Amino acid sequence: MANLEKIIAIELMLGARSHEFLLPLKTGSALQPMVDAVSGLLEPVVSDRFFGKEFERVLALISRHSVESVTAKQPLLKQGVVEESKG
């Protein structure tokens, strides 16, 4: 199970990063809370660097919460894990 969580963490990081290239477009309403939660854990990329700290933060997010709870958003809002989007 640990390897699966690592694979999902990497895919979520890459998906959130690639979504930045499509801004200001947004993804579907079911997936946007996940993109917002993961993007909030990532630092801006200004040069080639090590992404280990960000990977650990995303891995911790999915280890603590199921993907369903993140996409449902409401439980994480109540816990203060993600902030209410203004847009």
N, C-alpha and C. Protein backbone atom coordinates (compact mmCIF):
# COMPACT_ATOMS: atom_id res chain seq x y z
N MET A 1 0.82 -1.19 0.00
CA MET A 1 0.00 0.00 0.00
C MET A 1 0.87 1.26 0.00
N ALA A 2 2.01 1.21 0.66
CA ALA A 2 2.89 2.38 0.73
C ALA A 2 3.38 2.79 -0.65
N ASN A 3 3.71 1.82 -1.50
CA ASN A 3 4.15 2.15 -2.86
C ASN A 3 3.03 2.80 -3.66
N LEU A 4 1.81 2.32 -3.47
CA LEU A 4 0.67 2.90 -4.18
C LEU A 4 0.48 4.36 -3.76
N GLU A 5 0.60 4.65 -2.47
CA GLU A 5 0.47 6.04 -2.01
C GLU A 5 1.57 6.91 -2.61
N LYS A 6 2.77 6.39 -2.75
CA LYS A 6 3.86 7.16 -3.35
C LYS A 6 3.58 7.45 -4.81
N ILE A 7 3.08 6.47 -5.53
CA ILE A 7 2.75 6.66 -6.95
C ILE A 7 1.65 7.70 -7.09
N ILE A 8 0.63 7.61 -6.25
CA ILE A 8 -0.47 8.57 -6.30
C ILE A 8 0.04 9.97 -5.97
N ALA A 9 0.93 10.09 -4.98
CA ALA A 9 1.49 11.39 -4.61
C ALA A 9 2.24 12.01 -5.79
N ILE A 10 3.04 11.22 -6.48
CA ILE A 10 3.79 11.72 -7.64
C ILE A 10 2.83 12.16 -8.73
N GLU A 11 1.83 11.35 -9.02
CA GLU A 11 0.85 11.70 -10.06
C GLU A 11 0.08 12.97 -9.70
N LEU A 12 -0.28 13.11 -8.43
CA LEU A 12 -0.99 14.32 -8.01
C LEU A 12 -0.11 15.56 -8.15
N MET A 13 1.16 15.43 -7.78
CA MET A 13 2.08 16.56 -7.94
C MET A 13 2.20 16.96 -9.40
N LEU A 14 2.40 15.97 -10.26
CA LEU A 14 2.55 16.26 -11.68
C LEU A 14 1.28 16.84 -12.27
N GLY A 15 0.14 16.30 -11.86
CA GLY A 15 -1.14 16.81 -12.36
C GLY A 15 -1.38 18.24 -11.93
N ALA A 16 -1.08 18.55 -10.67
CA ALA A 16 -1.26 19.92 -10.18
C ALA A 16 -0.32 20.88 -10.90
N ARG A 17 0.92 20.45 -11.11
CA ARG A 17 1.88 21.29 -11.83
C ARG A 17 1.43 21.53 -13.27
N SER A 18 0.99 20.48 -13.93
CA SER A 18 0.58 20.64 -15.33
C SER A 18 -0.67 21.50 -15.43
N HIS A 19 -1.51 21.46 -14.41
CA HIS A 19 -2.72 22.29 -14.40
C HIS A 19 -2.37 23.77 -14.40
N GLU A 20 -1.23 24.13 -13.82
CA GLU A 20 -0.79 25.53 -13.78
C GLU A 20 -0.62 26.11 -15.18
N PHE A 21 -0.27 25.26 -16.15
CA PHE A 21 -0.08 25.73 -17.51
C PHE A 21 -1.40 26.07 -18.19
N LEU A 22 -2.50 25.61 -17.63
CA LEU A 22 -3.82 25.84 -18.23
C LEU A 22 -4.59 26.97 -17.56
N LEU A 23 -4.00 27.57 -16.53
CA LEU A 23 -4.68 28.67 -15.84
C LEU A 23 -4.97 29.80 -16.82
N PRO A 24 -6.09 30.44 -16.73
CA PRO A 24 -7.05 30.49 -15.65
C PRO A 24 -8.15 29.42 -15.74
N LEU A 25 -8.01 28.48 -16.66
CA LEU A 25 -9.01 27.42 -16.75
C LEU A 25 -8.99 26.58 -15.48
N LYS A 26 -10.14 26.02 -15.14
CA LYS A 26 -10.24 25.14 -13.98
C LYS A 26 -10.69 23.76 -14.44
N THR A 27 -10.40 22.79 -13.64
CA THR A 27 -10.86 21.44 -13.92
C THR A 27 -12.30 21.29 -13.42
N GLY A 28 -12.84 20.10 -13.50
CA GLY A 28 -14.21 19.87 -13.06
C GLY A 28 -14.40 20.12 -11.57
N SER A 29 -15.64 20.37 -11.18
CA SER A 29 -15.93 20.72 -9.79
C SER A 29 -15.58 19.59 -8.81
N ALA A 30 -15.61 18.35 -9.25
CA ALA A 30 -15.28 17.24 -8.36
C ALA A 30 -13.77 17.15 -8.11
N LEU A 31 -12.97 17.57 -9.07
CA LEU A 31 -11.52 17.45 -8.97
C LEU A 31 -10.84 18.73 -8.50
N GLN A 32 -11.47 19.87 -8.67
CA GLN A 32 -10.83 21.14 -8.32
C GLN A 32 -10.37 21.22 -6.86
N PRO A 33 -11.14 20.71 -5.89
CA PRO A 33 -10.63 20.75 -4.51
C PRO A 33 -9.31 19.99 -4.33
N MET A 34 -9.14 18.89 -5.05
CA MET A 34 -7.89 18.13 -4.97
C MET A 34 -6.75 18.94 -5.58
N VAL A 35 -7.00 19.55 -6.73
CA VAL A 35 -5.97 20.37 -7.37
C VAL A 35 -5.58 21.52 -6.44
N ASP A 36 -6.57 22.16 -5.82
CA ASP A 36 -6.30 23.26 -4.90
C ASP A 36 -5.50 22.80 -3.68
N ALA A 37 -5.89 21.66 -3.11
CA ALA A 37 -5.19 21.15 -1.93
C ALA A 37 -3.74 20.81 -2.24
N VAL A 38 -3.50 20.15 -3.35
CA VAL A 38 -2.13 19.75 -3.71
C VAL A 38 -1.33 20.98 -4.13
N SER A 39 -1.92 21.87 -4.91
CA SER A 39 -1.19 23.07 -5.34
C SER A 39 -0.77 23.92 -4.16
N GLY A 40 -1.57 23.92 -3.11
CA GLY A 40 -1.23 24.68 -1.91
C GLY A 40 -0.01 24.14 -1.18
N LEU A 41 0.39 22.93 -1.49
CA LEU A 41 1.56 22.32 -0.85
C LEU A 41 2.83 22.49 -1.67
N LEU A 42 2.69 23.01 -2.89
CA LEU A 42 3.82 23.11 -3.81
C LEU A 42 4.38 24.52 -3.85
N GLU A 43 5.68 24.60 -3.97
CA GLU A 43 6.36 25.89 -4.08
C GLU A 43 6.53 26.22 -5.56
N PRO A 44 6.62 27.51 -5.90
CA PRO A 44 6.83 27.88 -7.30
C PRO A 44 8.13 27.29 -7.85
N VAL A 45 8.11 26.94 -9.10
CA VAL A 45 9.31 26.41 -9.76
C VAL A 45 9.96 27.55 -10.53
N VAL A 46 11.14 27.94 -10.11
CA VAL A 46 11.88 29.00 -10.80
C VAL A 46 13.17 28.47 -11.42
N SER A 47 13.57 27.27 -11.01
CA SER A 47 14.75 26.64 -11.59
C SER A 47 14.68 25.14 -11.30
N ASP A 48 15.59 24.41 -11.89
CA ASP A 48 15.67 22.98 -11.65
C ASP A 48 16.08 22.75 -10.19
N ARG A 49 15.33 21.93 -9.47
CA ARG A 49 15.64 21.71 -8.07
C ARG A 49 15.06 20.38 -7.60
N PHE A 50 15.34 20.05 -6.36
CA PHE A 50 14.87 18.83 -5.72
C PHE A 50 13.44 19.05 -5.22
N PHE A 51 12.53 18.13 -5.49
CA PHE A 51 11.13 18.27 -5.10
C PHE A 51 10.75 17.35 -3.94
N GLY A 52 11.73 16.86 -3.21
CA GLY A 52 11.48 15.89 -2.15
C GLY A 52 10.59 16.39 -1.04
N LYS A 53 10.79 17.64 -0.60
CA LYS A 53 9.97 18.18 0.48
C LYS A 53 8.51 18.28 0.07
N GLU A 54 8.28 18.72 -1.14
CA GLU A 54 6.91 18.81 -1.64
C GLU A 54 6.29 17.43 -1.77
N PHE A 55 7.07 16.48 -2.26
CA PHE A 55 6.59 15.11 -2.37
C PHE A 55 6.16 14.59 -1.00
N GLU A 56 6.96 14.84 0.02
CA GLU A 56 6.63 14.38 1.37
C GLU A 56 5.35 15.03 1.87
N ARG A 57 5.13 16.32 1.55
CA ARG A 57 3.90 17.00 1.98
C ARG A 57 2.68 16.40 1.29
N VAL A 58 2.78 16.13 -0.01
CA VAL A 58 1.65 15.54 -0.74
C VAL A 58 1.41 14.12 -0.24
N LEU A 59 2.47 13.37 -0.02
CA LEU A 59 2.33 12.02 0.51
C LEU A 59 1.66 12.04 1.88
N ALA A 60 2.03 12.99 2.72
CA ALA A 60 1.40 13.10 4.04
C ALA A 60 -0.08 13.43 3.90
N LEU A 61 -0.43 14.29 2.94
CA LEU A 61 -1.83 14.63 2.72
C LEU A 61 -2.65 13.39 2.37
N ILE A 62 -2.16 12.59 1.44
CA ILE A 62 -2.95 11.43 1.04
C ILE A 62 -2.85 10.29 2.04
N SER A 63 -1.81 10.30 2.87
CA SER A 63 -1.73 9.29 3.92
C SER A 63 -2.72 9.59 5.03
N ARG A 64 -2.93 10.88 5.31
CA ARG A 64 -3.86 11.29 6.37
C ARG A 64 -5.32 11.25 5.92
N HIS A 65 -5.55 11.54 4.64
CA HIS A 65 -6.91 11.67 4.13
C HIS A 65 -7.06 10.85 2.87
N SER A 66 -8.19 10.24 2.71
CA SER A 66 -8.44 9.52 1.46
C SER A 66 -8.67 10.53 0.35
N VAL A 67 -8.45 10.11 -0.87
CA VAL A 67 -8.70 10.98 -2.02
C VAL A 67 -10.16 11.43 -2.01
N GLU A 68 -11.05 10.55 -1.60
CA GLU A 68 -12.46 10.91 -1.55
C GLU A 68 -12.72 12.04 -0.58
N SER A 69 -12.04 12.04 0.56
CA SER A 69 -12.28 13.11 1.53
C SER A 69 -11.72 14.44 1.04
N VAL A 70 -10.64 14.39 0.25
CA VAL A 70 -10.09 15.63 -0.29
C VAL A 70 -11.00 16.18 -1.37
N THR A 71 -11.48 15.32 -2.24
CA THR A 71 -12.35 15.80 -3.31
C THR A 71 -13.71 16.19 -2.78
N ALA A 72 -14.14 15.61 -1.68
CA ALA A 72 -15.41 16.01 -1.07
C ALA A 72 -15.28 17.40 -0.47
N LYS A 73 -14.08 17.81 -0.12
CA LYS A 73 -13.70 19.13 0.34
C LYS A 73 -14.28 19.50 1.70
N GLN A 74 -15.50 19.28 1.95
CA GLN A 74 -16.12 19.72 3.18
C GLN A 74 -15.41 19.21 4.43
N PRO A 75 -15.08 17.93 4.53
CA PRO A 75 -14.37 17.48 5.74
C PRO A 75 -13.04 18.20 5.94
N LEU A 76 -12.32 18.49 4.86
CA LEU A 76 -11.03 19.15 4.99
C LEU A 76 -11.18 20.63 5.31
N LEU A 77 -12.24 21.25 4.81
CA LEU A 77 -12.50 22.64 5.18
C LEU A 77 -12.73 22.75 6.67
N LYS A 78 -13.51 21.83 7.22
CA LYS A 78 -13.81 21.86 8.65
C LYS A 78 -12.55 21.59 9.48
N GLN A 79 -11.62 20.81 8.94
CA GLN A 79 -10.39 20.50 9.66
C GLN A 79 -9.30 21.55 9.42
N GLY A 80 -9.55 22.49 8.53
CA GLY A 80 -8.57 23.54 8.24
C GLY A 80 -7.44 23.09 7.35
N VAL A 81 -7.60 21.98 6.62
CA VAL A 81 -6.53 21.50 5.73
C VAL A 81 -6.49 22.31 4.45
N VAL A 82 -7.66 22.67 3.91
CA VAL A 82 -7.72 23.53 2.73
C VAL A 82 -8.58 24.73 3.06
N GLU A 83 -8.34 25.82 2.32
CA GLU A 83 -9.12 27.03 2.52
C GLU A 83 -10.23 27.11 1.48
N GLU A 84 -11.28 27.80 1.82
CA GLU A 84 -12.39 28.02 0.89
C GLU A 84 -11.87 28.83 -0.28
N SER A 85 -12.15 28.40 -1.52
CA SER A 85 -11.69 29.13 -2.68
C SER A 85 -12.56 30.37 -2.86
N LYS A 86 -11.92 31.45 -3.27
CA LYS A 86 -12.62 32.72 -3.45
C LYS A 86 -13.20 32.86 -4.85
N GLY A 87 -12.77 31.99 -5.78
CA GLY A 87 -13.19 32.15 -7.15
C GLY A 87 -14.14 31.13 -7.64
